[in-house]
Amino acid sequence: MIIAIDGPAGSGKSTTAQEVARRLGFLHLDSGALYRAFALAACERAWVGPEGDVSRARIPELAAVNVEGEVVGGTIVPLLDGRRLDQEIRTAEVTASASKVSAHPEIRRQVNAVLRQLAAQHPTGIVCEGRDMATVVFPDAELKIYMDARPEERARRRLLQRGEDVSPEKVSAEAARLVARDTHDSRRQAAPLRKAEDAVVLDTTRLSFEEQVAEIVGAARRLLGKA
């Protein structure tokens, strides 16, 4: 069984997907971690511009970088040239570059190939999350979820996750940044952010983490006949 979760930044996809996978005994595939691995490679090679972009001329070289996924504790950990990555893919520089890097079809093809290979190796079930899991990578997924939340709530969560102040001014600024990223991701030519026609919309603005997880696990178990 494949559960594909899409949605904008800060909607709770990653943490929710990881817990859903744990409760169902499925593998968690974090597509964002693989894009961040490519972004880290670009940062380490000094190919990243002031806005986090990478020169179009460098993209073929970047796509040829060896990025793989290793299963560790029920989830995948990205490998860059055989090196296991951790917090170095969560820096502000890598975060800024990942969205730009992921807009290039060459990079998306590489990441999608890794995701599909990992899914094929774990037939019991996977939970994957990103921007185009249900629309491009796994269009035949048995359960498709589109997670969303108000920009202010997504901003508040992101600030808390980073251990930063959640003052109204900070939340407003972060919300504006997230909305700009949503606009960029939804307008890009390669696999834009959008809801699959048959996806279940889950607005997490007023849902607790437990409620988010329970909604998806319940839907999956009903499909599996285990309700």
Protein backbone atom coordinates (compact mmCIF):
# COMPACT_ATOMS: atom_id res chain seq x y z
CA MET A 1 0.00 0.00 0.00
CA ILE A 2 1.21 3.49 -0.85
CA ILE A 3 0.06 6.53 1.11
CA ALA A 4 1.02 9.74 -0.70
CA ILE A 5 0.89 12.99 1.28
CA ASP A 6 1.29 16.35 -0.44
CA GLY A 7 0.94 19.91 0.75
CA PRO A 8 2.72 23.23 1.25
CA ALA A 9 5.61 23.89 3.60
CA GLY A 10 4.76 23.85 7.28
CA SER A 11 1.51 21.91 6.94
CA GLY A 12 2.92 19.08 9.07
CA LYS A 13 3.64 16.54 6.35
CA SER A 14 7.01 15.22 7.52
CA THR A 15 6.32 14.57 11.21
CA THR A 16 2.82 13.27 10.49
CA ALA A 17 4.00 10.96 7.71
CA GLN A 18 6.74 9.55 9.91
CA GLU A 19 4.32 8.72 12.73
CA VAL A 20 1.71 7.29 10.34
CA ALA A 21 4.38 5.00 8.90
CA ARG A 22 5.48 3.92 12.37
CA ARG A 23 1.95 3.01 13.47
CA LEU A 24 1.20 1.08 10.30
CA GLY A 25 4.60 -0.60 10.12
CA PHE A 26 5.31 1.07 6.78
CA LEU A 27 8.47 2.69 5.41
CA HIS A 28 8.60 6.49 5.53
CA LEU A 29 9.96 8.14 2.39
CA ASP A 30 10.96 11.79 2.89
CA SER A 31 11.39 13.22 -0.60
CA GLY A 32 12.45 16.58 0.79
CA ALA A 33 15.52 15.06 2.39
CA LEU A 34 16.72 13.86 -1.02
CA TYR A 35 16.23 17.30 -2.59
CA ARG A 36 18.10 18.79 0.34
CA ALA A 37 20.95 16.37 -0.36
CA PHE A 38 21.27 17.77 -3.87
CA ALA A 39 21.05 21.30 -2.46
CA LEU A 40 23.82 20.51 0.02
CA ALA A 41 25.97 19.20 -2.83
CA ALA A 42 25.45 22.49 -4.67
CA CYS A 43 26.27 24.51 -1.55
CA GLU A 44 29.44 22.54 -0.86
CA ARG A 45 30.59 23.05 -4.45
CA ALA A 46 29.89 26.81 -4.25
CA TRP A 47 27.35 26.58 -7.07
CA VAL A 48 24.63 28.42 -5.15
CA GLY A 49 23.81 32.06 -5.87
CA PRO A 50 22.71 34.74 -3.38
CA GLU A 51 19.03 33.76 -3.72
CA GLY A 52 19.67 30.05 -3.31
CA ASP A 53 19.56 29.40 -7.05
CA VAL A 54 21.98 27.27 -9.05
CA SER A 55 23.20 28.24 -12.51
CA ARG A 56 21.34 26.36 -15.25
CA ALA A 57 24.70 25.38 -16.70
CA ARG A 58 25.56 23.53 -13.47
CA ILE A 59 22.35 21.47 -13.29
CA PRO A 60 23.60 18.54 -15.45
CA GLU A 61 26.65 18.24 -13.17
CA LEU A 62 24.46 18.45 -10.08
CA ALA A 63 22.07 15.80 -11.41
CA ALA A 64 25.05 13.48 -11.86
CA VAL A 65 25.94 13.71 -8.16
CA ASN A 66 25.46 10.38 -6.37
CA VAL A 67 22.44 10.79 -4.05
CA GLU A 68 20.88 7.64 -2.62
CA GLY A 69 18.63 6.64 0.27
CA GLU A 70 19.40 4.27 3.12
CA VAL A 71 16.71 2.76 5.34
CA VAL A 72 17.39 3.53 9.02
CA GLY A 73 14.80 2.87 11.69
CA GLY A 74 11.83 2.77 9.35
CA THR A 75 12.70 5.90 7.40
CA ILE A 76 15.20 6.85 4.72
CA VAL A 77 18.36 8.79 5.39
CA PRO A 78 19.93 10.51 2.37
CA LEU A 79 23.43 9.58 1.28
CA LEU A 80 25.63 11.98 -0.65
CA ASP A 81 28.51 10.16 -2.38
CA GLY A 82 28.08 7.42 0.22
CA ARG A 83 28.14 9.87 3.16
CA ARG A 84 25.17 9.66 5.51
CA LEU A 85 23.59 13.10 6.01
CA ASP A 86 21.92 14.48 9.09
CA GLN A 87 21.50 18.06 10.35
CA GLU A 88 23.73 19.54 7.65
CA ILE A 89 20.75 19.38 5.26
CA ARG A 90 18.63 21.51 7.64
CA THR A 91 20.68 24.71 7.52
CA ALA A 92 19.14 27.95 6.28
CA GLU A 93 21.39 27.94 3.20
CA VAL A 94 20.38 24.42 2.18
CA THR A 95 16.71 25.14 2.89
CA ALA A 96 16.79 28.21 0.65
CA SER A 97 18.50 26.29 -2.15
CA ALA A 98 16.39 23.11 -1.95
CA SER A 99 13.24 24.76 -3.32
CA LYS A 100 15.19 26.24 -6.25
CA VAL A 101 17.06 23.02 -6.99
CA SER A 102 13.86 20.94 -6.88
CA ALA A 103 12.34 23.04 -9.68
CA HIS A 104 14.70 21.50 -12.25
CA PRO A 105 13.29 18.43 -14.09
CA GLU A 106 16.70 16.73 -14.14
CA ILE A 107 16.92 16.77 -10.35
CA ARG A 108 13.30 15.68 -9.94
CA ARG A 109 13.88 12.68 -12.22
CA GLN A 110 16.82 11.59 -10.08
CA VAL A 111 14.89 11.91 -6.82
CA ASN A 112 11.80 10.18 -8.22
CA ALA A 113 13.91 7.27 -9.41
CA VAL A 114 15.37 6.82 -5.91
CA LEU A 115 11.89 7.01 -4.32
CA ARG A 116 10.40 4.44 -6.68
CA GLN A 117 13.36 2.10 -6.23
CA LEU A 118 13.02 2.25 -2.44
CA ALA A 119 9.25 1.72 -2.65
CA ALA A 120 9.72 -1.36 -4.82
CA GLN A 121 12.08 -2.82 -2.23
CA HIS A 122 9.48 -2.51 0.56
CA PRO A 123 6.23 -4.07 -0.68
CA THR A 124 4.52 -4.09 2.73
CA GLY A 125 3.71 -0.41 2.43
CA ILE A 126 5.18 3.09 2.31
CA VAL A 127 4.20 6.58 3.38
CA CYS A 128 5.71 9.30 1.23
CA GLU A 129 5.36 13.06 1.46
CA GLY A 130 6.35 16.06 -0.60
CA ARG A 131 4.88 18.33 -3.25
CA ASP A 132 4.02 15.90 -6.06
CA MET A 133 3.87 12.45 -4.47
CA ALA A 134 0.23 11.83 -5.45
CA THR A 135 0.30 13.67 -8.78
CA VAL A 136 3.62 12.60 -10.32
CA VAL A 137 5.68 10.12 -8.34
CA PHE A 138 2.96 7.69 -7.21
CA PRO A 139 -0.22 8.62 -9.15
CA ASP A 140 -1.68 5.16 -8.44
CA ALA A 141 -1.28 5.45 -4.65
CA GLU A 142 -4.15 3.80 -2.79
CA LEU A 143 -4.52 6.72 -0.39
CA LYS A 144 -3.79 10.33 -1.30
CA ILE A 145 -3.79 13.09 1.29
CA TYR A 146 -3.40 16.83 0.75
CA MET A 147 -2.41 18.50 4.03
CA ASP A 148 -2.83 22.24 4.41
CA ALA A 149 -3.15 24.92 7.09
CA ARG A 150 -3.46 28.68 7.30
CA PRO A 151 -0.15 30.45 6.53
CA GLU A 152 0.03 31.98 10.01
CA GLU A 153 -0.30 28.58 11.67
CA ARG A 154 2.27 27.04 9.36
CA ALA A 155 4.62 29.93 10.14
CA ARG A 156 4.12 29.51 13.88
CA ARG A 157 4.96 25.80 13.63
CA ARG A 158 8.09 26.47 11.60
CA LEU A 159 9.35 29.05 14.11
CA LEU A 160 8.69 26.72 17.03
CA GLN A 161 10.45 23.89 15.18
CA ARG A 162 13.52 26.10 14.81
CA GLY A 163 13.32 27.25 18.44
CA GLU A 164 12.66 30.86 17.44
CA ASP A 165 10.42 33.57 18.84
CA VAL A 166 6.74 33.40 17.80
CA SER A 167 5.95 37.08 18.16
CA PRO A 168 3.28 38.47 15.80
CA GLU A 169 5.97 40.23 13.77
CA LYS A 170 8.04 37.08 13.33
CA VAL A 171 4.96 34.99 12.48
CA SER A 172 3.84 37.55 9.90
CA ALA A 173 7.25 37.65 8.24
CA GLU A 174 7.55 33.87 8.18
CA ALA A 175 4.01 33.51 6.81
CA ALA A 176 4.86 35.87 3.96
CA ARG A 177 7.94 33.80 3.17
CA LEU A 178 5.92 30.58 3.14
CA VAL A 179 3.25 32.07 0.88
CA ALA A 180 5.98 33.22 -1.54
CA ARG A 181 7.41 29.70 -1.56
CA ASP A 182 3.94 28.21 -2.13
CA THR A 183 3.46 30.54 -5.10
CA HIS A 184 6.84 29.59 -6.53
CA ASP A 185 6.20 25.86 -6.10
CA SER A 186 2.68 26.01 -7.56
CA ARG A 187 3.80 27.96 -10.65
CA ARG A 188 6.91 26.01 -11.57
CA GLN A 189 6.78 23.98 -14.78
CA ALA A 190 8.24 20.80 -13.34
CA ALA A 191 5.75 18.97 -11.09
CA PRO A 192 4.03 22.00 -9.55
CA LEU A 193 2.44 21.85 -6.11
CA ARG A 194 -1.23 20.95 -6.55
CA LYS A 195 -3.87 18.74 -5.04
CA ALA A 196 -4.58 15.43 -6.78
CA GLU A 197 -8.20 15.21 -7.91
CA ASP A 198 -8.86 12.15 -5.75
CA ALA A 199 -6.93 13.36 -2.70
CA VAL A 200 -8.51 13.73 0.73
CA VAL A 201 -7.99 17.30 1.97
CA LEU A 202 -6.86 17.52 5.59
CA ASP A 203 -6.86 21.06 7.03
CA THR A 204 -4.57 20.86 10.04
CA THR A 205 -4.97 24.45 11.22
CA ARG A 206 -6.97 23.44 14.29
CA LEU A 207 -5.94 19.80 14.51
CA SER A 208 -3.50 18.46 17.05
CA PHE A 209 -0.66 16.25 15.91
CA GLU A 210 -2.48 13.20 17.30
CA GLU A 211 -5.64 14.12 15.42
CA GLN A 212 -3.74 14.50 12.15
CA VAL A 213 -2.11 11.11 12.53
CA ALA A 214 -5.34 9.41 13.61
CA GLU A 215 -7.22 10.73 10.57
CA ILE A 216 -4.73 9.25 8.11
CA VAL A 217 -4.14 5.99 9.98
CA GLY A 218 -7.90 5.47 10.23
CA ALA A 219 -8.38 6.05 6.51
CA ALA A 220 -5.54 3.64 5.69
CA ARG A 221 -6.89 0.91 7.96
CA ARG A 222 -10.34 1.22 6.45
CA LEU A 223 -8.83 0.69 3.01
CA LEU A 224 -6.85 -2.24 4.33
CA GLY A 225 -9.97 -3.73 5.90
CA LYS A 226 -8.55 -3.36 9.39
CA ALA A 227 -10.90 -0.73 10.78
